[in-house]
């Protein structure tokens, strides 16, 4: 796995560590945070604590003393969401001895879920979200078909065959439901959360209907929203928000839901082989979600949206950062052809002179029409 650690990511994080008292690497469980962190720690005088281990937790029974003792080292705290009360001690220690490169924090939940970090370390911490392996990081060793099927989690992608990869993902799903969610302090019946997660895999790429989902899993809409928020903030799903634009047309206002890792999506759908995927009705949506994750992660700082009118005209992804805007459509076809609604929205957005990209499983990029390019993943 070490061979796939992105040099640019490592260099960016080292730069952040040298310019901030605390740096947090957040991302899904087992997406590679610990491997990346240990690779970074080799560049510093450092100490590493895994907060899942009782022996390491015991070292922090007197956190003020421990942090004071290790002031000349980079202290790495792994799985920080398990001990959120540490953040108040981190704040006090940083305020007392405010040097850069004090703490490297790893967490398997978003900064919103680990509320203490955003509240007590404001102005003292720099965040980085880490995804499972992107295709661009592994394309020298894997084709996009294998990456799409297995997803980007290292243990799944690097498995010796597809069967072992599938079994690992099944174990991941079960462990996440039975162990990880309770460790975050949520008391949720496993069968209900499992049913919800698998139901969302069938909604992958569609606007979310909380009322309909609530009826299926026999829960209130408020409960459904809470459970979906937990899945979102533990990096399991993405809620893609609708783009706000004055097009003088009725626009869809509900977010779309995507299972973020393609391998986890296909496991939830019971798809074990690429041939099975080719015959499955979720093929197009699987490609769409796969492309969205890879493209969005490659554009840090850009906010992702989709746009869809009430009559069905749609653009799959708009990335926006200040005055910059990038527009994408996704088609699982060797000869993709945009719909009439696609051109309608391009015209409504006044984007005729902007480059627009149709991402498809093609071998080479080419210009389809003026300023419209068909490109590979």
Protein backbone atom coordinates (compact mmCIF):
# COMPACT_ATOMS: atom_id res chain seq x y z
CA UNK A 1 0.00 0.00 0.00
CA UNK A 2 2.86 2.37 0.66
CA UNK A 3 3.57 2.59 -3.05
CA UNK A 4 0.25 4.33 -3.63
CA UNK A 5 0.69 7.16 -1.14
CA UNK A 6 0.41 10.33 -3.18
CA UNK A 7 3.58 12.38 -2.96
CA UNK A 8 1.67 15.61 -3.44
CA UNK A 9 -0.73 14.75 -0.59
CA UNK A 10 2.18 13.90 1.71
CA UNK A 11 4.03 17.11 0.79
CA UNK A 12 0.90 19.22 1.29
CA UNK A 13 0.32 17.75 4.73
CA UNK A 14 3.95 18.25 5.79
CA UNK A 15 3.63 21.89 4.70
CA UNK A 16 0.44 22.24 6.76
CA UNK A 17 2.09 20.66 9.80
CA UNK A 18 4.97 23.10 9.54
CA UNK A 19 2.54 26.03 9.42
CA UNK A 20 -0.19 25.10 11.90
CA UNK A 21 -0.28 23.98 15.56
CA UNK A 22 -2.66 21.13 14.70
CA UNK A 23 -3.56 19.30 11.50
CA UNK A 24 -6.51 16.91 11.16
CA UNK A 25 -6.81 14.17 8.56
CA UNK A 26 -10.44 13.09 8.34
CA UNK A 27 -11.93 10.31 6.26
CA UNK A 28 -13.77 7.01 6.25
CA UNK A 29 -12.55 4.19 8.44
CA UNK A 30 -9.78 2.13 6.78
CA UNK A 31 -9.34 4.56 3.88
CA UNK A 32 -5.58 4.87 4.56
CA UNK A 33 -5.30 7.67 7.13
CA UNK A 34 -3.03 5.73 9.50
CA UNK A 35 -0.68 4.55 6.74
CA UNK A 36 -0.38 8.10 5.40
CA UNK A 37 0.15 9.52 8.90
CA UNK A 38 2.88 7.03 9.79
CA UNK A 39 4.61 7.81 6.51
CA UNK A 40 4.50 11.51 7.42
CA UNK A 41 5.62 10.91 11.01
CA UNK A 42 8.88 9.39 9.76
CA UNK A 43 9.85 12.94 8.76
CA UNK A 44 9.48 14.28 12.30
CA UNK A 45 10.47 13.51 15.85
CA UNK A 46 7.10 12.09 16.82
CA UNK A 47 4.92 9.92 19.03
CA UNK A 48 1.89 7.95 17.82
CA UNK A 49 -1.12 6.93 19.92
CA UNK A 50 -3.95 4.70 18.69
CA UNK A 51 -6.96 5.68 20.80
CA UNK A 52 -8.61 2.33 20.07
CA UNK A 53 -5.92 0.67 22.21
CA UNK A 54 -6.38 0.66 25.97
CA UNK A 55 -2.61 0.80 26.50
CA UNK A 56 -2.39 4.04 24.51
CA UNK A 57 -5.48 5.50 26.16
CA UNK A 58 -3.88 4.87 29.55
CA UNK A 59 -0.98 7.13 28.56
CA UNK A 60 -3.49 9.97 28.35
CA UNK A 61 -4.98 9.58 31.81
CA UNK A 62 -3.14 12.82 32.64
CA UNK A 63 -3.25 14.54 29.23
CA UNK A 64 -1.73 17.83 30.45
CA UNK A 65 1.36 16.02 31.70
CA UNK A 66 1.64 13.86 28.57
CA UNK A 67 1.35 16.81 26.18
CA UNK A 68 3.81 18.90 28.19
CA UNK A 69 6.32 16.03 28.19
CA UNK A 70 6.13 15.69 24.39
CA UNK A 71 6.24 19.38 23.47
CA UNK A 72 9.25 18.89 21.23
CA UNK A 73 7.53 16.09 19.27
CA UNK A 74 4.69 15.84 16.77
CA UNK A 75 1.96 14.01 18.69
CA UNK A 76 -0.34 11.89 16.49
CA UNK A 77 -3.73 10.95 17.95
CA UNK A 78 -5.50 8.30 15.85
CA UNK A 79 -9.31 7.82 15.95
CA UNK A 80 -9.84 11.06 17.87
CA UNK A 81 -13.64 10.77 17.59
CA UNK A 82 -13.51 8.07 20.28
CA UNK A 83 -12.19 10.53 22.89
CA UNK A 84 -13.70 13.93 21.99
CA UNK A 85 -13.05 15.28 25.50
CA UNK A 86 -9.35 15.54 24.54
CA UNK A 87 -10.04 18.64 22.46
CA UNK A 88 -10.31 20.94 25.47
CA UNK A 89 -6.86 19.72 26.61
CA UNK A 90 -5.47 20.25 23.11
CA UNK A 91 -6.75 23.83 23.11
CA UNK A 92 -5.18 24.57 26.49
CA UNK A 93 -1.86 23.03 25.48
CA UNK A 94 -1.71 24.88 22.15
CA UNK A 95 -2.61 28.18 23.81
CA UNK A 96 0.08 27.69 26.43
CA UNK A 97 2.77 26.57 23.98
CA UNK A 98 1.76 27.75 20.54
CA UNK A 99 4.29 26.26 18.17
CA UNK A 100 3.50 24.81 14.76
CA UNK A 101 3.69 21.07 14.25
CA UNK A 102 2.31 20.12 17.68
CA UNK A 103 -0.49 17.69 16.83
CA UNK A 104 -1.57 15.44 13.96
CA UNK A 105 -5.14 14.25 14.52
CA UNK A 106 -6.84 11.41 12.64
CA UNK A 107 -10.59 10.88 12.68
CA UNK A 108 -13.21 8.71 11.00
CA UNK A 109 -15.96 11.30 11.29
CA UNK A 110 -16.48 14.78 9.85
CA UNK A 111 -15.57 17.94 11.71
CA UNK A 112 -19.28 18.62 12.23
CA UNK A 113 -19.75 15.27 13.95
CA UNK A 114 -16.64 15.86 16.06
CA UNK A 115 -18.08 19.17 17.21
CA UNK A 116 -15.49 19.78 19.86
CA UNK A 117 -12.74 20.27 17.29
CA UNK A 118 -14.53 23.00 15.40
CA UNK A 119 -15.60 24.71 18.63
CA UNK A 120 -12.42 24.55 20.70
CA UNK A 121 -9.64 24.50 18.09
CA UNK A 122 -10.94 27.25 15.82
CA UNK A 123 -7.99 29.16 14.41
CA UNK A 124 -5.56 26.51 15.63
CA UNK A 125 -6.28 23.58 13.29
CA UNK A 126 -6.09 22.85 9.57
CA UNK A 127 -8.31 20.15 8.06
CA UNK A 128 -7.68 17.69 5.22
CA UNK A 129 -10.27 15.18 4.00
CA UNK A 130 -8.77 11.91 2.77
CA UNK A 131 -10.68 9.70 0.35
CA UNK A 132 -10.09 6.04 -0.44
CA UNK A 133 -7.74 5.58 -3.44
CA UNK A 134 -8.80 7.62 -6.47
CA UNK A 135 -8.39 6.16 -9.93
CA UNK A 136 -5.70 8.70 -10.80
CA UNK A 137 -3.62 7.40 -7.88
CA UNK A 138 -3.72 3.74 -8.94
CA UNK A 139 -4.25 3.77 -12.71
CA UNK A 140 -0.70 2.58 -13.36
CA UNK A 141 -1.63 -0.73 -11.69
CA UNK A 142 -5.42 -1.04 -12.09
CA UNK A 143 -7.90 -0.48 -14.88
CA UNK A 144 -10.95 1.68 -14.22
CA UNK A 145 -13.21 -1.40 -14.41
CA UNK A 146 -11.41 -3.07 -11.50
CA UNK A 147 -11.28 0.18 -9.53
CA UNK A 148 -14.99 0.80 -10.11
CA UNK A 149 -15.88 -2.76 -9.05
CA UNK A 150 -13.69 -2.94 -5.96
CA UNK A 151 -13.73 0.71 -4.91
CA UNK A 152 -10.84 2.60 -3.39
CA UNK A 153 -10.50 1.12 0.10
CA UNK A 154 -6.96 -0.31 0.15
CA UNK A 155 -7.85 -3.75 1.53
CA UNK A 156 -10.58 -4.15 -1.07
CA UNK A 157 -8.65 -2.83 -4.06
CA UNK A 158 -5.44 -4.72 -3.26
CA UNK A 159 -7.19 -8.06 -2.54
CA UNK A 160 -5.82 -11.05 -4.44
CA UNK A 161 -9.10 -11.62 -6.29
CA UNK A 162 -12.62 -10.22 -6.66
CA UNK A 163 -14.16 -12.74 -4.27
CA UNK A 164 -11.82 -11.77 -1.41
CA UNK A 165 -12.43 -8.10 -2.21
CA UNK A 166 -16.19 -8.60 -2.04
CA UNK A 167 -15.94 -10.50 1.25
CA UNK A 168 -13.80 -7.72 2.75
CA UNK A 169 -16.42 -5.14 1.82
CA UNK A 170 -19.20 -7.25 3.30
CA UNK A 171 -17.20 -7.47 6.54
CA UNK A 172 -16.58 -3.70 6.41
CA UNK A 173 -20.31 -2.99 6.14
CA UNK A 174 -21.13 -5.32 9.03
CA UNK A 175 -18.36 -3.94 11.27
CA UNK A 176 -19.34 -0.35 10.49
CA UNK A 177 -22.92 -1.02 11.55
CA UNK A 178 -22.20 -3.21 14.57
CA UNK A 179 -19.11 -1.50 16.01
CA UNK A 180 -18.26 1.88 14.48
CA UNK A 181 -21.62 3.63 14.79
CA UNK A 182 -22.09 2.59 18.46
CA UNK A 183 -18.55 3.83 19.22
CA UNK A 184 -19.62 7.26 18.03
CA UNK A 185 -22.27 7.23 20.75
CA UNK A 186 -25.32 6.42 18.61
CA UNK A 187 -27.74 3.75 19.78
CA UNK A 188 -29.31 2.65 16.49
CA UNK A 189 -30.80 -0.79 15.82
CA UNK A 190 -28.45 -2.51 13.39
CA UNK A 191 -31.24 -4.03 11.22
CA UNK A 192 -32.82 -0.61 10.65
CA UNK A 193 -29.54 1.09 9.72
CA UNK A 194 -28.62 -1.85 7.49
CA UNK A 195 -31.98 -1.66 5.73
CA UNK A 196 -31.63 2.11 5.28
CA UNK A 197 -28.10 1.87 3.86
CA UNK A 198 -29.10 -0.85 1.38
CA UNK A 199 -32.21 1.11 0.43
CA UNK A 200 -30.08 4.18 -0.27
CA UNK A 201 -27.93 2.08 -2.63
CA UNK A 202 -31.06 1.63 -4.77
CA UNK A 203 -31.65 5.41 -4.63
CA UNK A 204 -28.02 6.04 -5.71
CA UNK A 205 -28.03 8.98 -8.13
CA UNK A 206 -31.64 9.96 -7.41
CA UNK A 207 -33.24 12.81 -5.49
CA UNK A 208 -33.82 11.75 -1.93
CA UNK A 209 -37.41 11.32 -0.76
CA UNK A 210 -37.39 11.28 3.03
CA UNK A 211 -41.11 10.54 3.30
CA UNK A 212 -40.91 7.48 1.05
CA UNK A 213 -37.82 6.15 2.81
CA UNK A 214 -39.45 6.67 6.20
CA UNK A 215 -42.40 4.58 5.06
CA UNK A 216 -40.19 1.74 3.84
CA UNK A 217 -38.10 1.43 7.02
CA UNK A 218 -41.05 2.25 9.31
CA UNK A 219 -39.47 5.29 10.98
CA UNK A 220 -40.26 8.98 11.24
CA UNK A 221 -38.83 11.44 8.70
CA UNK A 222 -36.88 13.09 11.53
CA UNK A 223 -35.27 9.74 12.38
CA UNK A 224 -34.47 9.05 8.74
CA UNK A 225 -32.80 12.45 8.40
CA UNK A 226 -30.75 11.80 11.55
CA UNK A 227 -29.58 8.38 10.33
CA UNK A 228 -28.76 9.70 6.87
CA UNK A 229 -26.78 12.54 8.44
CA UNK A 230 -24.71 9.97 10.37
CA UNK A 231 -23.94 8.08 7.15
CA UNK A 232 -22.99 11.36 5.47
CA UNK A 233 -20.74 12.53 8.30
CA UNK A 234 -18.93 9.19 8.48
CA UNK A 235 -18.10 9.52 4.74
CA UNK A 236 -20.35 6.66 3.63
CA UNK A 237 -22.75 8.72 1.51
CA UNK A 238 -22.73 12.04 -0.33
CA UNK A 239 -25.73 14.34 -0.45
CA UNK A 240 -25.22 16.37 -3.62
CA UNK A 241 -27.02 19.67 -3.26
CA UNK A 242 -29.06 21.33 -6.04
CA UNK A 243 -27.52 24.35 -7.76
CA UNK A 244 -29.18 27.66 -7.05
CA UNK A 245 -29.67 29.59 -10.27
CA UNK A 246 -32.24 32.05 -11.55
CA UNK A 247 -33.24 30.22 -14.74
CA UNK A 248 -36.91 31.24 -14.67
CA UNK A 249 -37.72 27.55 -14.53
CA UNK A 250 -38.85 25.30 -11.70
CA UNK A 251 -35.81 23.51 -10.32
CA UNK A 252 -35.58 20.36 -8.25
CA UNK A 253 -34.86 21.38 -4.64
CA UNK A 254 -34.08 18.00 -3.04
CA UNK A 255 -30.48 16.73 -2.83
CA UNK A 256 -29.33 13.61 -4.64
CA UNK A 257 -27.86 10.73 -2.67
CA UNK A 258 -24.76 8.74 -3.63
CA UNK A 259 -22.90 5.91 -1.90
CA UNK A 260 -19.43 7.46 -1.98
CA UNK A 261 -17.26 4.39 -2.58
CA UNK A 262 -18.21 2.44 -5.69
CA UNK A 263 -17.09 -0.87 -4.20
CA UNK A 264 -19.29 -0.42 -1.12
CA UNK A 265 -22.20 0.56 -3.40
CA UNK A 266 -21.87 -2.61 -5.46
CA UNK A 267 -21.63 -4.76 -2.32
CA UNK A 268 -24.81 -3.17 -0.95
CA UNK A 269 -26.47 -3.98 -4.30
CA UNK A 270 -25.15 -7.56 -4.23
CA UNK A 271 -23.05 -7.09 -7.39
CA UNK A 272 -19.95 -9.30 -7.24
CA UNK A 273 -18.45 -9.13 -10.77
CA UNK A 274 -18.06 -6.55 -13.51
CA UNK A 275 -20.20 -8.70 -15.82
CA UNK A 276 -22.96 -8.56 -13.19
CA UNK A 277 -22.66 -4.78 -13.15
CA UNK A 278 -22.95 -4.54 -16.95
CA UNK A 279 -26.31 -6.34 -16.72
CA UNK A 280 -27.60 -4.33 -13.75
CA UNK A 281 -30.03 -1.38 -14.03
CA UNK A 282 -27.75 0.63 -11.70
CA UNK A 283 -24.87 0.63 -14.23
CA UNK A 284 -25.34 4.24 -15.36
CA UNK A 285 -25.86 5.56 -11.83
CA UNK A 286 -22.81 3.60 -10.62
CA UNK A 287 -20.66 5.27 -13.29
CA UNK A 288 -22.11 8.67 -12.40
CA UNK A 289 -21.32 8.34 -8.69
CA UNK A 290 -17.87 6.92 -9.43
CA UNK A 291 -17.04 9.87 -11.69
CA UNK A 292 -18.43 12.43 -9.24
CA UNK A 293 -16.21 11.14 -6.42
CA UNK A 294 -13.06 11.08 -8.54
CA UNK A 295 -13.64 14.50 -10.11
CA UNK A 296 -14.78 16.24 -6.91
CA UNK A 297 -11.78 14.96 -4.95
CA UNK A 298 -9.48 16.26 -7.68
CA UNK A 299 -10.88 19.80 -7.21
CA UNK A 300 -10.41 20.72 -3.52
CA UNK A 301 -12.08 23.97 -2.61
CA UNK A 302 -14.76 23.64 -5.30
CA UNK A 303 -18.34 23.08 -4.10
CA UNK A 304 -20.25 20.37 -6.00
CA UNK A 305 -23.85 20.69 -7.18
CA UNK A 306 -26.28 19.26 -9.71
CA UNK A 307 -29.07 21.05 -11.55
CA UNK A 308 -32.37 19.60 -12.72
CA UNK A 309 -35.57 21.25 -13.90
CA UNK A 310 -39.07 19.98 -13.14
CA UNK A 311 -39.40 18.75 -16.75
CA UNK A 312 -36.29 16.57 -16.41
CA UNK A 313 -33.58 18.66 -18.06
CA UNK A 314 -30.41 18.02 -16.08
CA UNK A 315 -26.67 18.50 -15.68
CA UNK A 316 -25.00 15.95 -13.43
CA UNK A 317 -22.25 18.01 -11.79
CA UNK A 318 -21.34 21.68 -11.46
CA UNK A 319 -18.20 22.56 -9.53
CA UNK A 320 -17.97 26.16 -8.34
CA UNK A 321 -15.27 28.13 -6.55
CA UNK A 322 -15.70 31.88 -6.48
CA UNK A 323 -16.09 32.94 -10.11
CA UNK A 324 -14.78 29.63 -11.44
CA UNK A 325 -17.24 27.05 -12.70
CA UNK A 326 -16.79 23.60 -14.23
CA UNK A 327 -19.60 21.60 -15.80
CA UNK A 328 -19.78 17.82 -16.24
CA UNK A 329 -22.15 15.25 -17.65
CA UNK A 330 -21.71 11.49 -17.23
CA UNK A 331 -22.58 8.82 -19.79
CA UNK A 332 -21.69 5.13 -19.66
CA UNK A 333 -21.26 4.77 -23.41
CA UNK A 334 -18.42 4.58 -25.90
CA UNK A 335 -20.40 7.00 -28.08
CA UNK A 336 -22.09 9.39 -25.62
CA UNK A 337 -24.80 11.71 -26.86
CA UNK A 338 -26.16 14.49 -24.61
CA UNK A 339 -29.90 14.97 -24.31
CA UNK A 340 -31.82 18.00 -25.53
CA UNK A 341 -32.33 19.04 -21.89
CA UNK A 342 -28.55 19.15 -21.46
CA UNK A 343 -28.25 21.81 -24.16
CA UNK A 344 -31.22 23.71 -22.71
CA UNK A 345 -29.49 24.10 -19.35
CA UNK A 346 -26.15 24.98 -20.95
CA UNK A 347 -28.00 27.76 -22.75
CA UNK A 348 -29.89 28.83 -19.60
CA UNK A 349 -26.63 28.96 -17.62
CA UNK A 350 -25.08 31.05 -20.40
CA UNK A 351 -22.27 28.48 -20.51
CA UNK A 352 -21.98 28.19 -24.31
CA UNK A 353 -18.47 29.62 -24.21
CA UNK A 354 -17.31 27.55 -21.24
CA UNK A 355 -15.71 24.13 -21.68
CA UNK A 356 -18.17 21.37 -20.76
CA UNK A 357 -17.03 17.81 -20.18
CA UNK A 358 -18.89 14.57 -20.90
CA UNK A 359 -17.13 11.87 -18.88
CA UNK A 360 -17.45 8.45 -20.50
CA UNK A 361 -15.49 5.15 -20.69
CA UNK A 362 -13.58 6.28 -23.76
CA UNK A 363 -9.91 5.81 -24.61
CA UNK A 364 -9.08 9.37 -25.62
CA UNK A 365 -10.44 12.88 -25.12
CA UNK A 366 -12.00 14.54 -28.14
CA UNK A 367 -14.12 17.60 -28.96
CA UNK A 368 -17.73 16.53 -29.53
CA UNK A 369 -19.01 19.99 -30.43
CA UNK A 370 -17.65 23.46 -29.89
CA UNK A 371 -16.57 23.71 -26.22
CA UNK A 372 -18.08 20.28 -25.45
CA UNK A 373 -15.47 17.60 -24.82
CA UNK A 374 -15.89 13.86 -24.35
CA UNK A 375 -13.21 12.75 -21.89
CA UNK A 376 -12.14 9.66 -19.97
CA UNK A 377 -12.25 9.33 -16.20
